[in-house]
């Protein structure tokens, strides 16, 4: 049997909250994680999952507030061919999960680069300003140009 190289690493960040940072039940979190594991296994052949904590800066009035939440990072490795074949399917699935789970965006890390996959596209500058710090917006809009 020949060794196999899987050069493309992708990580889906599964959030433990729904709209307005409301904590979901452990059963709902388990369902979310199971759904992601199943999808990645079907498209790329397997997964590894790790519990963690995530956070981001959000504007509350004129000041920033740090929002923290539990996450599960579900990682999958794939061949270049499977990555190319399934990339659009994964992005569409992330948008579907984002809408279903009440998320503005879902985090997808590919080869160490984090991408926010927005559930609602396009997101308006007003919506972005209501949720994020000026420094985050400046960084994001540079990426879009």
N, C-alpha and C. Protein backbone atom coordinates (compact mmCIF):
# COMPACT_ATOMS: atom_id res chain seq x y z
N UNK A 1 0.85 -1.18 0.00
CA UNK A 1 0.00 0.00 0.00
C UNK A 1 0.89 1.24 0.00
N UNK A 2 0.52 2.22 -0.79
CA UNK A 2 1.30 3.44 -0.95
C UNK A 2 0.85 4.52 0.05
N UNK A 3 1.81 5.28 0.59
CA UNK A 3 1.47 6.40 1.48
C UNK A 3 0.68 7.44 0.71
N UNK A 4 -0.22 8.13 1.42
CA UNK A 4 -1.05 9.17 0.80
C UNK A 4 -0.72 10.52 1.41
N UNK A 5 -0.56 11.52 0.56
CA UNK A 5 -0.32 12.89 1.03
C UNK A 5 -1.61 13.68 0.86
N UNK A 6 -2.03 14.33 1.92
CA UNK A 6 -3.23 15.19 1.91
C UNK A 6 -2.77 16.61 2.24
N UNK A 7 -2.42 17.40 1.23
CA UNK A 7 -1.76 18.69 1.47
C UNK A 7 -2.67 19.86 1.85
N UNK A 8 -3.98 19.71 1.69
CA UNK A 8 -4.87 20.84 1.96
C UNK A 8 -5.58 20.63 3.29
N UNK A 9 -5.33 21.54 4.24
CA UNK A 9 -5.97 21.50 5.56
C UNK A 9 -7.08 22.55 5.61
N UNK A 10 -8.26 22.11 6.02
CA UNK A 10 -9.40 23.03 6.19
C UNK A 10 -9.99 22.82 7.57
N UNK A 11 -10.36 23.93 8.22
CA UNK A 11 -10.94 23.88 9.55
C UNK A 11 -12.25 24.67 9.54
N UNK A 12 -13.32 24.04 9.97
CA UNK A 12 -14.61 24.72 10.14
C UNK A 12 -14.76 25.02 11.62
N UNK A 13 -15.05 26.28 11.94
CA UNK A 13 -15.28 26.70 13.32
C UNK A 13 -16.77 26.62 13.61
N UNK A 14 -17.16 25.69 14.47
CA UNK A 14 -18.58 25.49 14.81
C UNK A 14 -18.88 26.32 16.05
N UNK A 15 -19.80 27.31 15.93
CA UNK A 15 -20.10 28.20 17.06
C UNK A 15 -21.09 27.58 18.05
N UNK A 16 -20.98 28.00 19.31
CA UNK A 16 -21.86 27.49 20.36
C UNK A 16 -22.97 28.49 20.71
N UNK A 17 -23.16 29.48 19.86
CA UNK A 17 -24.19 30.48 20.10
C UNK A 17 -25.10 30.59 18.88
N UNK A 18 -26.24 31.22 19.10
CA UNK A 18 -27.14 31.55 17.99
C UNK A 18 -27.27 33.07 17.97
N UNK A 19 -28.31 33.58 17.37
CA UNK A 19 -28.48 35.03 17.24
C UNK A 19 -28.29 35.74 18.57
N UNK A 20 -27.69 36.91 18.50
CA UNK A 20 -27.45 37.76 19.67
C UNK A 20 -26.62 37.08 20.75
N UNK A 21 -25.69 36.24 20.36
CA UNK A 21 -24.77 35.57 21.27
C UNK A 21 -25.47 34.72 22.33
N UNK A 22 -26.64 34.17 22.03
CA UNK A 22 -27.33 33.30 22.97
C UNK A 22 -26.72 31.90 22.92
N UNK A 23 -26.34 31.39 24.09
CA UNK A 23 -25.73 30.07 24.20
C UNK A 23 -26.75 28.99 23.81
N UNK A 24 -26.33 28.03 23.00
CA UNK A 24 -27.21 26.93 22.63
C UNK A 24 -27.02 25.78 23.61
N UNK A 25 -27.91 24.81 23.55
CA UNK A 25 -27.83 23.65 24.46
C UNK A 25 -26.69 22.72 24.02
N UNK A 26 -26.18 21.92 24.96
CA UNK A 26 -25.15 20.93 24.59
C UNK A 26 -25.63 19.97 23.50
N UNK A 27 -26.92 19.64 23.52
CA UNK A 27 -27.48 18.74 22.51
C UNK A 27 -27.45 19.39 21.13
N UNK A 28 -27.80 20.68 21.06
CA UNK A 28 -27.76 21.39 19.78
C UNK A 28 -26.32 21.52 19.29
N UNK A 29 -25.39 21.78 20.18
CA UNK A 29 -23.98 21.87 19.79
C UNK A 29 -23.52 20.53 19.23
N UNK A 30 -23.88 19.44 19.88
CA UNK A 30 -23.51 18.11 19.40
C UNK A 30 -24.08 17.85 18.01
N UNK A 31 -25.32 18.30 17.76
CA UNK A 31 -25.93 18.14 16.44
C UNK A 31 -25.15 18.93 15.37
N UNK A 32 -24.79 20.17 15.71
CA UNK A 32 -24.04 20.99 14.77
C UNK A 32 -22.70 20.32 14.41
N UNK A 33 -21.98 19.91 15.44
CA UNK A 33 -20.66 19.30 15.23
C UNK A 33 -20.80 18.02 14.41
N UNK A 34 -21.80 17.22 14.72
CA UNK A 34 -22.04 15.98 13.99
C UNK A 34 -22.32 16.25 12.51
N UNK A 35 -23.09 17.29 12.23
CA UNK A 35 -23.42 17.66 10.85
C UNK A 35 -22.15 18.06 10.08
N UNK A 36 -21.27 18.82 10.72
CA UNK A 36 -20.03 19.25 10.08
C UNK A 36 -19.11 18.05 9.86
N UNK A 37 -18.98 17.20 10.87
CA UNK A 37 -18.13 16.00 10.75
C UNK A 37 -18.60 15.12 9.59
N UNK A 38 -19.90 14.93 9.50
CA UNK A 38 -20.47 14.09 8.44
C UNK A 38 -20.17 14.69 7.07
N UNK A 39 -20.38 15.99 6.91
CA UNK A 39 -20.15 16.65 5.63
C UNK A 39 -18.67 16.54 5.22
N UNK A 40 -17.77 16.87 6.14
CA UNK A 40 -16.34 16.82 5.82
C UNK A 40 -15.88 15.39 5.53
N UNK A 41 -16.41 14.43 6.25
CA UNK A 41 -16.06 13.03 6.00
C UNK A 41 -16.51 12.59 4.61
N UNK A 42 -17.73 12.99 4.24
CA UNK A 42 -18.25 12.61 2.92
C UNK A 42 -17.46 13.26 1.79
N UNK A 43 -17.05 14.51 1.97
CA UNK A 43 -16.37 15.24 0.89
C UNK A 43 -14.86 15.00 0.86
N UNK A 44 -14.24 14.82 2.04
CA UNK A 44 -12.78 14.77 2.09
C UNK A 44 -12.22 13.49 2.71
N UNK A 45 -13.09 12.64 3.27
CA UNK A 45 -12.63 11.36 3.77
C UNK A 45 -12.44 11.23 5.27
N UNK A 46 -12.52 12.33 6.02
CA UNK A 46 -12.35 12.23 7.46
C UNK A 46 -12.29 13.57 8.15
N UNK A 47 -12.07 13.55 9.46
CA UNK A 47 -12.04 14.78 10.25
C UNK A 47 -11.32 14.54 11.57
N UNK A 48 -10.95 15.62 12.22
CA UNK A 48 -10.49 15.64 13.60
C UNK A 48 -11.17 16.83 14.25
N UNK A 49 -11.66 16.68 15.49
CA UNK A 49 -12.31 17.81 16.13
C UNK A 49 -11.68 18.11 17.49
N UNK A 50 -11.66 19.41 17.82
CA UNK A 50 -11.07 19.88 19.07
C UNK A 50 -11.95 21.00 19.62
N UNK A 51 -12.27 20.92 20.92
CA UNK A 51 -13.02 22.00 21.57
C UNK A 51 -12.08 23.16 21.86
N UNK A 52 -12.63 24.37 21.77
CA UNK A 52 -11.81 25.55 22.05
C UNK A 52 -12.68 26.73 22.43
N UNK A 53 -12.05 27.88 22.52
CA UNK A 53 -12.74 29.13 22.82
C UNK A 53 -12.35 30.15 21.77
N UNK A 54 -13.34 30.89 21.29
CA UNK A 54 -13.09 31.94 20.31
C UNK A 54 -13.59 33.26 20.84
N UNK A 55 -13.16 34.32 20.23
CA UNK A 55 -13.62 35.64 20.64
C UNK A 55 -13.40 36.66 19.55
N UNK A 56 -14.11 37.76 19.66
CA UNK A 56 -13.97 38.85 18.69
C UNK A 56 -14.43 40.15 19.35
N UNK A 57 -14.00 41.26 18.76
CA UNK A 57 -14.38 42.58 19.25
C UNK A 57 -15.67 43.02 18.56
N UNK A 58 -16.63 43.51 19.35
CA UNK A 58 -17.90 43.99 18.82
C UNK A 58 -18.16 45.39 19.37
N UNK A 59 -18.68 46.24 18.54
CA UNK A 59 -19.01 47.59 18.99
C UNK A 59 -20.32 47.56 19.80
N UNK A 60 -20.28 48.16 20.97
CA UNK A 60 -21.46 48.37 21.82
C UNK A 60 -21.51 49.86 22.10
N UNK A 61 -22.37 50.56 21.36
CA UNK A 61 -22.36 52.01 21.45
C UNK A 61 -21.09 52.54 20.84
N UNK A 62 -20.31 53.29 21.63
CA UNK A 62 -19.05 53.85 21.12
C UNK A 62 -17.82 53.10 21.62
N UNK A 63 -18.04 51.99 22.31
CA UNK A 63 -16.90 51.24 22.82
C UNK A 63 -16.92 49.79 22.33
N UNK A 64 -15.74 49.19 22.35
CA UNK A 64 -15.61 47.80 21.95
C UNK A 64 -15.87 46.88 23.13
N UNK A 65 -16.50 45.77 22.84
CA UNK A 65 -16.72 44.74 23.85
C UNK A 65 -16.18 43.44 23.26
N UNK A 66 -15.46 42.68 24.07
CA UNK A 66 -14.94 41.39 23.62
C UNK A 66 -16.01 40.33 23.88
N UNK A 67 -16.41 39.64 22.82
CA UNK A 67 -17.39 38.56 22.90
C UNK A 67 -16.62 37.25 22.84
N UNK A 68 -16.88 36.36 23.80
CA UNK A 68 -16.23 35.06 23.83
C UNK A 68 -17.29 33.98 23.74
N UNK A 69 -16.93 32.88 23.08
CA UNK A 69 -17.85 31.76 22.97
C UNK A 69 -17.07 30.47 22.77
N UNK A 70 -17.69 29.38 23.17
CA UNK A 70 -17.10 28.08 22.92
C UNK A 70 -17.21 27.74 21.44
N UNK A 71 -16.22 27.06 20.91
CA UNK A 71 -16.25 26.61 19.53
C UNK A 71 -15.72 25.18 19.48
N UNK A 72 -16.04 24.50 18.40
CA UNK A 72 -15.39 23.24 18.09
C UNK A 72 -14.77 23.41 16.72
N UNK A 73 -13.47 23.16 16.65
CA UNK A 73 -12.76 23.22 15.37
C UNK A 73 -12.79 21.83 14.77
N UNK A 74 -13.43 21.71 13.60
CA UNK A 74 -13.49 20.43 12.90
C UNK A 74 -12.55 20.54 11.69
N UNK A 75 -11.49 19.75 11.71
CA UNK A 75 -10.44 19.81 10.70
C UNK A 75 -10.54 18.63 9.76
N UNK A 76 -10.29 18.91 8.48
CA UNK A 76 -10.24 17.86 7.48
C UNK A 76 -9.07 18.14 6.54
N UNK A 77 -8.43 17.09 6.10
CA UNK A 77 -7.33 17.20 5.13
C UNK A 77 -7.79 16.56 3.83
N UNK A 78 -7.32 17.12 2.71
CA UNK A 78 -7.74 16.55 1.43
C UNK A 78 -6.64 16.66 0.38
N UNK A 79 -6.87 15.94 -0.70
CA UNK A 79 -6.02 16.07 -1.87
C UNK A 79 -6.38 17.39 -2.57
N UNK A 80 -5.50 17.85 -3.44
CA UNK A 80 -5.79 19.08 -4.19
C UNK A 80 -7.02 18.90 -5.06
N UNK A 81 -7.17 17.73 -5.63
CA UNK A 81 -8.31 17.46 -6.51
C UNK A 81 -9.64 17.51 -5.73
N UNK A 82 -9.70 16.84 -4.58
CA UNK A 82 -10.93 16.86 -3.78
C UNK A 82 -11.22 18.27 -3.26
N UNK A 83 -10.16 19.01 -2.94
CA UNK A 83 -10.34 20.40 -2.50
C UNK A 83 -11.01 21.22 -3.60
N UNK A 84 -10.47 21.14 -4.82
CA UNK A 84 -11.03 21.90 -5.94
C UNK A 84 -12.46 21.47 -6.25
N UNK A 85 -12.70 20.18 -6.23
CA UNK A 85 -14.03 19.64 -6.55
C UNK A 85 -15.08 20.09 -5.54
N UNK A 86 -14.70 20.18 -4.27
CA UNK A 86 -15.68 20.42 -3.20
C UNK A 86 -15.65 21.82 -2.59
N UNK A 87 -14.77 22.69 -3.05
CA UNK A 87 -14.63 24.02 -2.44
C UNK A 87 -15.95 24.80 -2.46
N UNK A 88 -16.60 24.89 -3.60
CA UNK A 88 -17.85 25.64 -3.71
C UNK A 88 -18.95 24.99 -2.87
N UNK A 89 -18.98 23.67 -2.85
CA UNK A 89 -19.98 22.95 -2.03
C UNK A 89 -19.80 23.29 -0.55
N UNK A 90 -18.53 23.35 -0.10
CA UNK A 90 -18.26 23.68 1.30
C UNK A 90 -18.66 25.12 1.61
N UNK A 91 -18.31 26.05 0.74
CA UNK A 91 -18.69 27.46 0.96
C UNK A 91 -20.20 27.62 1.02
N UNK A 92 -20.92 26.95 0.12
CA UNK A 92 -22.38 27.02 0.13
C UNK A 92 -22.95 26.39 1.40
N UNK A 93 -22.35 25.29 1.83
CA UNK A 93 -22.81 24.63 3.06
C UNK A 93 -22.58 25.53 4.27
N UNK A 94 -21.44 26.23 4.30
CA UNK A 94 -21.16 27.16 5.40
C UNK A 94 -22.21 28.28 5.44
N UNK A 95 -22.61 28.81 4.28
CA UNK A 95 -23.66 29.83 4.24
C UNK A 95 -24.99 29.27 4.76
N UNK A 96 -25.29 28.05 4.36
CA UNK A 96 -26.52 27.39 4.83
C UNK A 96 -26.49 27.20 6.34
N UNK A 97 -25.37 26.69 6.86
CA UNK A 97 -25.25 26.51 8.31
C UNK A 97 -25.34 27.87 9.02
N UNK A 98 -24.69 28.88 8.49
CA UNK A 98 -24.72 30.21 9.09
C UNK A 98 -26.14 30.73 9.23
N UNK A 99 -26.93 30.60 8.17
CA UNK A 99 -28.33 31.04 8.23
C UNK A 99 -29.12 30.21 9.25
N UNK A 100 -28.96 28.90 9.15
CA UNK A 100 -29.68 27.96 10.03
C UNK A 100 -29.33 28.18 11.51
N UNK A 101 -28.06 28.51 11.78
CA UNK A 101 -27.59 28.64 13.16
C UNK A 101 -27.59 30.08 13.66
N UNK A 102 -28.12 31.01 12.87
CA UNK A 102 -28.21 32.40 13.31
C UNK A 102 -26.87 33.10 13.41
N UNK A 103 -25.99 32.83 12.45
CA UNK A 103 -24.65 33.42 12.45
C UNK A 103 -24.52 34.46 11.35
N UNK A 104 -23.86 35.55 11.64
CA UNK A 104 -23.54 36.55 10.61
C UNK A 104 -22.57 35.94 9.61
N UNK A 105 -21.60 35.18 10.13
CA UNK A 105 -20.62 34.52 9.28
C UNK A 105 -20.12 33.26 9.96
N UNK A 106 -19.50 32.42 9.16
CA UNK A 106 -18.89 31.20 9.66
C UNK A 106 -17.40 31.28 9.35
N UNK A 107 -16.59 30.76 10.25
CA UNK A 107 -15.15 30.76 10.05
C UNK A 107 -14.68 29.51 9.33
N UNK A 108 -13.89 29.72 8.28
CA UNK A 108 -13.27 28.62 7.54
C UNK A 108 -11.79 28.93 7.41
N UNK A 109 -10.98 28.07 7.96
CA UNK A 109 -9.53 28.23 7.87
C UNK A 109 -9.01 27.25 6.83
N UNK A 110 -8.29 27.77 5.85
CA UNK A 110 -7.70 26.93 4.82
C UNK A 110 -6.21 27.21 4.77
N UNK A 111 -5.42 26.19 5.05
CA UNK A 111 -3.97 26.33 5.05
C UNK A 111 -3.50 27.50 5.91
N UNK A 112 -4.13 27.67 7.07
CA UNK A 112 -3.71 28.70 8.02
C UNK A 112 -4.32 30.07 7.80
N UNK A 113 -5.06 30.26 6.70
CA UNK A 113 -5.70 31.55 6.42
C UNK A 113 -7.18 31.46 6.80
N UNK A 114 -7.65 32.41 7.62
CA UNK A 114 -9.04 32.42 8.06
C UNK A 114 -9.89 33.25 7.10
N UNK A 115 -11.01 32.70 6.71
CA UNK A 115 -11.96 33.39 5.84
C UNK A 115 -13.29 33.44 6.56
N UNK A 116 -13.94 34.61 6.56
CA UNK A 116 -15.30 34.73 7.06
C UNK A 116 -16.24 34.48 5.90
N UNK A 117 -17.06 33.45 6.00
CA UNK A 117 -18.03 33.12 4.97
C UNK A 117 -19.36 33.67 5.46
N UNK A 118 -19.81 34.76 4.84
CA UNK A 118 -21.00 35.45 5.30
C UNK A 118 -22.26 34.70 4.92
N UNK A 119 -23.18 34.60 5.88
CA UNK A 119 -24.46 33.93 5.67
C UNK A 119 -25.34 34.76 4.76
N UNK A 120 -25.24 36.06 4.89
CA UNK A 120 -26.00 36.99 4.06
C UNK A 120 -24.99 37.73 3.19
N UNK A 121 -25.13 37.59 1.91
CA UNK A 121 -24.19 38.24 1.00
C UNK A 121 -24.98 39.15 0.06
N UNK A 122 -24.60 40.38 -0.13
CA UNK A 122 -23.49 41.02 0.56
C UNK A 122 -23.94 41.59 1.90
N UNK A 123 -23.01 41.73 2.81
CA UNK A 123 -23.26 42.39 4.08
C UNK A 123 -23.02 43.89 3.86
N UNK A 124 -23.86 44.71 4.43
CA UNK A 124 -23.72 46.16 4.22
C UNK A 124 -22.71 46.76 5.18
N UNK A 125 -22.17 47.92 4.83
CA UNK A 125 -21.23 48.62 5.71
C UNK A 125 -21.93 48.97 7.02
N UNK A 126 -23.21 49.36 6.96
CA UNK A 126 -23.97 49.68 8.17
C UNK A 126 -24.03 48.47 9.10
N UNK A 127 -24.35 47.29 8.55
CA UNK A 127 -24.41 46.08 9.38
C UNK A 127 -23.05 45.76 9.97
N UNK A 128 -22.00 45.92 9.17
CA UNK A 128 -20.66 45.66 9.66
C UNK A 128 -20.29 46.62 10.78
N UNK A 129 -20.63 47.90 10.63
CA UNK A 129 -20.30 48.93 11.62
C UNK A 129 -21.03 48.68 12.93
N UNK A 130 -22.25 48.17 12.86
CA UNK A 130 -23.02 47.90 14.07
C UNK A 130 -22.42 46.75 14.88
N UNK A 131 -21.66 45.88 14.25
CA UNK A 131 -21.18 44.68 14.92
C UNK A 131 -19.69 44.65 15.23
N UNK A 132 -18.90 45.40 14.47
CA UNK A 132 -17.46 45.22 14.57
C UNK A 132 -16.71 46.52 14.85
N UNK A 133 -15.50 46.34 15.34
CA UNK A 133 -14.64 47.48 15.65
C UNK A 133 -14.13 48.13 14.37
N UNK A 134 -13.79 49.42 14.44
CA UNK A 134 -13.24 50.11 13.26
C UNK A 134 -11.98 49.43 12.71
N UNK A 135 -11.11 48.91 13.58
CA UNK A 135 -9.88 48.27 13.11
C UNK A 135 -10.20 46.99 12.34
N UNK A 136 -11.20 46.24 12.79
CA UNK A 136 -11.60 45.01 12.10
C UNK A 136 -12.16 45.35 10.72
N UNK A 137 -13.01 46.38 10.66
CA UNK A 137 -13.62 46.79 9.38
C UNK A 137 -12.54 47.22 8.40
N UNK A 138 -11.58 48.01 8.88
CA UNK A 138 -10.50 48.47 8.00
C UNK A 138 -9.74 47.28 7.42
N UNK A 139 -9.43 46.31 8.27
CA UNK A 139 -8.71 45.12 7.82
C UNK A 139 -9.54 44.34 6.80
N UNK A 140 -10.82 44.14 7.08
CA UNK A 140 -11.68 43.37 6.18
C UNK A 140 -11.86 44.05 4.83
N UNK A 141 -12.09 45.36 4.83
CA UNK A 141 -12.33 46.03 3.56
C UNK A 141 -11.08 46.05 2.69
N UNK A 142 -9.89 46.01 3.29
CA UNK A 142 -8.66 45.93 2.51
C UNK A 142 -8.61 44.58 1.79
N UNK A 143 -9.07 43.53 2.44
CA UNK A 143 -9.07 42.20 1.85
C UNK A 143 -10.03 42.16 0.67
N UNK A 144 -11.15 42.88 0.76
CA UNK A 144 -12.16 42.85 -0.31
C UNK A 144 -11.71 43.59 -1.55
N UNK A 145 -10.81 44.56 -1.43
CA UNK A 145 -10.40 45.39 -2.58
C UNK A 145 -9.56 44.64 -3.57
